[in-house]
Amino acid sequence: QAFAGTMSTPGFPDGPPVRSGVSFIDMSTGIAAYGAIVSALFARERTGKGAWVHGSLLETAVSLLGYHAISWLQGGKLPVKQGSGSSSSVPYQAFECSDGYILVGAPNDSAWARFCEALDAPDWAADDRFSSIQRRVENRQILVPMIEQRFREDTAAIWTEKLDAKGVAVSPLHTLEQVFQHPQVLANDMLTEVTDADGSPMPLVGMPFKMTSEEGDSAPSTRPVPRLGAHTDEVLRDVLGYSDADVDALREDGAV
């Protein structure tokens, strides 16, 4: 995150560097490698020729810079830290309510009009200072404090309900406990359970995609995570061709 520049994008103005608490580069590299491998296999099916697949954390991290990279390469503009907000849209950030935070986004003029309706603020919608995306960005220092004051008047749940009713993008800021209790997360099978080697249940995170065949939906695997060394004998014997005596000798010598 530091080397590839992603740590230069989050945080607050004049604040210290901020590292993402999610290992998104590591995980995205795995996803990118998966996509590359599947593409190579598909190409082999069509052409009969194989291919080497190469990937790295650095290449993934640079590619994930996305529009920040394009803004620099084509416009010479460096990202401006906006906390939870966006440099190109206002309002689009976390706001504190009377009992917690919500994230709200009104990225176009239509959404802005609905946002004003939800907050019962028709004067904001009619205000020339906020009449377009560009004007709202230009007057961020005026508009954001006004919105912050309004949101502090009620709870996160009530504001979420009001904004959602008007079709405004809104979400409470969930803890992990709330995430893995949410009906939608459970309906998407993002919480799964396997049986550990000792027979006890082990909760795990589900797969980010699902597959359906003519036989129906595929069920998540119930195989447990193998313990350290669980397949040592199997690999030595069945994959590498060692005899049982060879395996025993390696164990006696402390090699495995």
Protein backbone atom coordinates (compact mmCIF):
# COMPACT_ATOMS: atom_id res chain seq x y z
CA GLN A 1 0.00 0.00 0.00
CA ALA A 2 2.86 2.38 0.74
CA PHE A 3 5.06 1.53 -2.25
CA ALA A 4 2.26 1.55 -4.86
CA GLY A 5 0.75 4.85 -3.73
CA THR A 6 -2.58 3.69 -2.39
CA MET A 7 -1.70 5.07 1.06
CA SER A 8 -1.50 8.55 -0.49
CA THR A 9 -5.26 8.56 -1.17
CA PRO A 10 -7.11 7.94 2.15
CA GLY A 11 -7.15 9.97 5.34
CA PHE A 12 -7.86 13.58 6.19
CA PRO A 13 -6.13 16.71 4.84
CA ASP A 14 -2.83 17.38 6.64
CA GLY A 15 -3.25 14.08 8.51
CA PRO A 16 -0.76 11.21 8.69
CA PRO A 17 -0.77 8.35 6.17
CA VAL A 18 -3.58 5.84 6.61
CA ARG A 19 -3.31 2.14 5.85
CA SER A 20 -6.42 0.19 4.93
CA GLY A 21 -7.31 -2.32 7.61
CA VAL A 22 -8.41 -4.78 4.91
CA SER A 23 -5.64 -6.60 3.01
CA PHE A 24 -7.25 -5.71 -0.30
CA ILE A 25 -4.04 -5.90 -2.37
CA ASP A 26 -3.24 -9.44 -1.25
CA MET A 27 -6.80 -10.62 -1.82
CA SER A 28 -7.18 -8.79 -5.14
CA THR A 29 -3.94 -10.35 -6.39
CA GLY A 30 -5.44 -13.77 -5.75
CA ILE A 31 -8.61 -12.78 -7.61
CA ALA A 32 -6.58 -11.36 -10.52
CA ALA A 33 -4.48 -14.54 -10.68
CA TYR A 34 -7.65 -16.63 -10.66
CA GLY A 35 -9.02 -14.61 -13.58
CA ALA A 36 -5.75 -14.91 -15.49
CA ILE A 37 -5.57 -18.67 -14.95
CA VAL A 38 -9.15 -19.19 -16.10
CA SER A 39 -8.47 -17.00 -19.16
CA ALA A 40 -5.37 -19.06 -20.00
CA LEU A 41 -7.29 -22.32 -19.62
CA PHE A 42 -10.08 -21.03 -21.85
CA ALA A 43 -7.53 -19.91 -24.45
CA ARG A 44 -5.94 -23.34 -24.34
CA GLU A 45 -9.31 -24.95 -25.01
CA ARG A 46 -9.72 -22.77 -28.12
CA THR A 47 -6.14 -22.74 -29.44
CA GLY A 48 -4.52 -25.84 -27.95
CA LYS A 49 -1.64 -23.70 -26.71
CA GLY A 50 -0.69 -23.06 -23.11
CA ALA A 51 0.52 -19.81 -21.54
CA TRP A 52 2.52 -18.62 -18.56
CA VAL A 53 0.50 -16.53 -16.10
CA HIS A 54 2.32 -13.86 -14.14
CA GLY A 55 1.06 -11.56 -11.41
CA SER A 56 2.37 -9.70 -8.39
CA LEU A 57 1.24 -7.58 -5.48
CA LEU A 58 2.80 -4.48 -7.06
CA GLU A 59 1.03 -4.87 -10.41
CA THR A 60 -2.29 -5.41 -8.66
CA ALA A 61 -1.81 -2.44 -6.35
CA VAL A 62 -0.93 -0.07 -9.20
CA SER A 63 -3.92 -1.24 -11.25
CA LEU A 64 -6.24 -0.61 -8.29
CA LEU A 65 -5.30 3.08 -8.28
CA GLY A 66 -7.99 3.38 -10.96
CA TYR A 67 -9.19 6.91 -11.66
CA HIS A 68 -6.59 8.36 -9.30
CA ALA A 69 -3.91 7.05 -11.67
CA ILE A 70 -5.69 8.44 -14.74
CA SER A 71 -6.11 11.84 -13.08
CA TRP A 72 -2.36 11.98 -12.52
CA LEU A 73 -1.26 10.50 -15.85
CA GLN A 74 -3.59 12.57 -18.03
CA GLY A 75 -4.24 15.65 -15.93
CA GLY A 76 -1.29 15.92 -13.57
CA LYS A 77 -3.65 15.98 -10.57
CA LEU A 78 -2.79 14.26 -7.32
CA PRO A 79 -5.60 12.89 -5.12
CA VAL A 80 -6.82 15.16 -2.36
CA LYS A 81 -7.55 13.44 0.94
CA GLN A 82 -11.22 13.78 1.84
CA GLY A 83 -11.65 11.54 4.87
CA SER A 84 -14.72 9.41 4.17
CA GLY A 85 -15.77 11.78 1.39
CA SER A 86 -15.20 12.18 -2.32
CA SER A 87 -13.24 14.89 -4.09
CA SER A 88 -15.69 14.86 -7.01
CA SER A 89 -19.08 14.77 -5.27
CA VAL A 90 -20.81 16.44 -2.32
CA PRO A 91 -22.51 15.10 -0.27
CA TYR A 92 -20.78 11.71 -0.41
CA GLN A 93 -19.34 10.83 2.98
CA ALA A 94 -20.06 9.62 6.50
CA PHE A 95 -22.17 11.89 8.69
CA GLU A 96 -22.64 11.67 12.44
CA CYS A 97 -26.20 11.27 13.68
CA SER A 98 -27.38 11.53 17.28
CA ASP A 99 -26.38 7.92 18.00
CA GLY A 100 -23.88 6.89 15.32
CA TYR A 101 -22.78 7.34 11.72
CA ILE A 102 -24.32 6.75 8.31
CA LEU A 103 -22.75 6.99 4.87
CA VAL A 104 -24.77 9.00 2.34
CA GLY A 105 -24.18 9.62 -1.34
CA ALA A 106 -25.91 12.04 -3.71
CA PRO A 107 -23.61 11.83 -6.77
CA ASN A 108 -25.88 13.65 -9.25
CA ASP A 109 -28.41 16.48 -9.33
CA SER A 110 -31.42 14.16 -9.25
CA ALA A 111 -30.09 12.41 -6.15
CA TRP A 112 -29.35 15.80 -4.60
CA ALA A 113 -32.99 16.85 -5.07
CA ARG A 114 -34.19 13.64 -3.39
CA PHE A 115 -31.61 14.14 -0.63
CA CYS A 116 -33.05 17.59 0.11
CA GLU A 117 -36.56 16.16 0.18
CA ALA A 118 -35.53 13.48 2.68
CA LEU A 119 -33.97 16.11 4.95
CA ASP A 120 -36.97 18.45 4.52
CA ALA A 121 -34.64 21.14 3.19
CA PRO A 122 -36.25 22.62 0.05
CA ASP A 123 -34.25 25.81 0.53
CA TRP A 124 -31.03 23.85 -0.06
CA ALA A 125 -32.35 22.53 -3.36
CA ALA A 126 -33.21 26.08 -4.44
CA ASP A 127 -29.89 27.56 -3.29
CA ASP A 128 -27.73 28.61 -6.27
CA ARG A 129 -24.57 27.71 -4.34
CA PHE A 130 -25.62 24.06 -4.46
CA SER A 131 -27.36 23.99 -7.87
CA SER A 132 -24.91 21.59 -9.55
CA ILE A 133 -22.28 19.01 -8.69
CA GLN A 134 -19.54 21.52 -9.47
CA ARG A 135 -21.15 24.20 -7.32
CA ARG A 136 -21.61 21.81 -4.39
CA VAL A 137 -17.96 20.75 -4.61
CA GLU A 138 -16.86 24.39 -4.78
CA ASN A 139 -18.95 25.21 -1.70
CA ARG A 140 -18.11 22.06 0.24
CA GLN A 141 -16.94 24.04 3.30
CA ILE A 142 -20.37 25.71 3.50
CA LEU A 143 -22.61 22.77 2.65
CA VAL A 144 -21.06 19.97 4.72
CA PRO A 145 -21.42 21.76 8.11
CA MET A 146 -25.08 22.45 7.27
CA ILE A 147 -25.69 18.77 6.58
CA GLU A 148 -23.74 17.70 9.67
CA GLN A 149 -25.92 19.88 11.88
CA ARG A 150 -29.12 18.47 10.37
CA PHE A 151 -28.09 14.82 10.77
CA ARG A 152 -27.20 15.31 14.43
CA GLU A 153 -30.87 16.09 15.09
CA ASP A 154 -31.99 12.45 14.79
CA THR A 155 -30.85 8.83 14.93
CA ALA A 156 -29.03 6.86 12.26
CA ALA A 157 -31.99 4.49 11.91
CA ILE A 158 -34.49 7.27 11.27
CA TRP A 159 -32.29 9.07 8.75
CA THR A 160 -31.55 5.79 6.98
CA GLU A 161 -35.29 5.12 6.68
CA LYS A 162 -36.05 8.62 5.38
CA LEU A 163 -33.22 8.64 2.84
CA ASP A 164 -33.95 5.12 1.65
CA ALA A 165 -37.61 6.03 1.13
CA LYS A 166 -36.50 8.77 -1.28
CA GLY A 167 -34.11 6.49 -3.18
CA VAL A 168 -30.96 8.11 -1.80
CA ALA A 169 -27.89 5.86 -1.40
CA VAL A 170 -27.44 5.40 2.34
CA SER A 171 -25.99 2.85 4.72
CA PRO A 172 -25.31 2.57 8.42
CA LEU A 173 -21.69 1.91 9.34
CA HIS A 174 -21.83 -1.71 10.44
CA THR A 175 -19.52 -3.48 12.83
CA LEU A 176 -18.43 -7.01 11.92
CA GLU A 177 -20.92 -8.34 14.46
CA GLN A 178 -23.74 -6.54 12.62
CA VAL A 179 -22.45 -7.66 9.22
CA PHE A 180 -22.57 -11.36 10.07
CA GLN A 181 -26.04 -11.03 11.58
CA HIS A 182 -27.54 -9.14 8.64
CA PRO A 183 -30.29 -11.02 6.75
CA GLN A 184 -28.85 -10.13 3.32
CA VAL A 185 -25.38 -11.38 4.24
CA LEU A 186 -26.91 -14.61 5.53
CA ALA A 187 -29.13 -14.97 2.46
CA ASN A 188 -26.03 -14.66 0.25
CA ASP A 189 -24.35 -17.50 2.18
CA MET A 190 -21.48 -15.25 3.19
CA LEU A 191 -21.42 -16.95 6.58
CA THR A 192 -20.74 -20.65 6.24
CA GLU A 193 -19.83 -23.39 8.67
CA VAL A 194 -17.53 -26.38 8.36
CA THR A 195 -16.72 -29.20 10.73
CA ASP A 196 -13.21 -29.00 12.14
CA ALA A 197 -10.93 -32.01 12.34
CA ASP A 198 -11.92 -32.49 15.98
CA GLY A 199 -15.62 -32.46 15.08
CA SER A 200 -16.38 -28.96 16.35
CA PRO A 201 -18.17 -26.38 14.16
CA MET A 202 -16.02 -23.64 12.60
CA PRO A 203 -17.59 -20.46 11.12
CA LEU A 204 -15.95 -19.13 7.96
CA VAL A 205 -16.54 -16.42 5.37
CA GLY A 206 -18.43 -17.60 2.29
CA MET A 207 -17.34 -17.36 -1.34
CA PRO A 208 -17.78 -14.00 -3.13
CA PHE A 209 -19.44 -15.71 -6.11
CA LYS A 210 -21.79 -18.63 -6.54
CA MET A 211 -22.24 -21.06 -9.44
CA THR A 212 -25.40 -22.67 -10.79
CA SER A 213 -25.49 -25.72 -13.05
CA GLU A 214 -28.25 -27.81 -14.55
CA GLU A 215 -28.22 -29.82 -11.33
CA GLY A 216 -28.87 -26.67 -9.28
CA ASP A 217 -26.90 -24.31 -7.07
CA SER A 218 -23.51 -25.44 -5.85
CA ALA A 219 -23.25 -25.83 -2.07
CA PRO A 220 -20.26 -24.42 -0.17
CA SER A 221 -17.58 -26.90 0.79
CA THR A 222 -17.84 -28.36 4.26
CA ARG A 223 -14.21 -29.53 4.31
CA PRO A 224 -12.29 -28.05 7.23
CA VAL A 225 -9.07 -26.09 6.90
CA PRO A 226 -6.30 -28.73 7.12
CA ARG A 227 -4.11 -28.70 10.20
CA LEU A 228 -0.40 -28.04 9.81
CA GLY A 229 1.17 -31.12 8.23
CA ALA A 230 -2.15 -32.87 7.71
CA HIS A 231 -1.25 -33.92 4.16
CA THR A 232 2.51 -34.40 4.52
CA ASP A 233 2.40 -38.19 4.16
CA GLU A 234 -0.07 -37.97 1.29
CA VAL A 235 2.09 -35.51 -0.66
CA LEU A 236 5.32 -37.42 -0.05
CA ARG A 237 3.83 -40.79 -0.90
CA ASP A 238 1.22 -40.11 -3.62
CA VAL A 239 2.65 -37.01 -5.32
CA LEU A 240 6.42 -37.42 -4.92
CA GLY A 241 6.48 -41.22 -4.92
CA TYR A 242 8.25 -41.83 -1.61
CA SER A 243 7.79 -45.24 -0.01
CA ASP A 244 6.40 -45.64 3.50
CA ALA A 245 9.94 -46.49 4.65
CA ASP A 246 11.26 -43.29 3.07
CA VAL A 247 8.59 -41.23 4.80
CA ASP A 248 9.34 -42.89 8.14
CA ALA A 249 13.05 -42.16 7.65
CA LEU A 250 12.36 -38.49 6.93
CA ARG A 251 10.30 -38.25 10.08
CA GLU A 252 12.99 -39.95 12.18
CA ASP A 253 15.57 -37.52 10.83
CA GLY A 254 13.32 -34.57 11.67
CA ALA A 255 13.15 -33.50 8.00
CA VAL A 256 9.33 -33.39 8.13
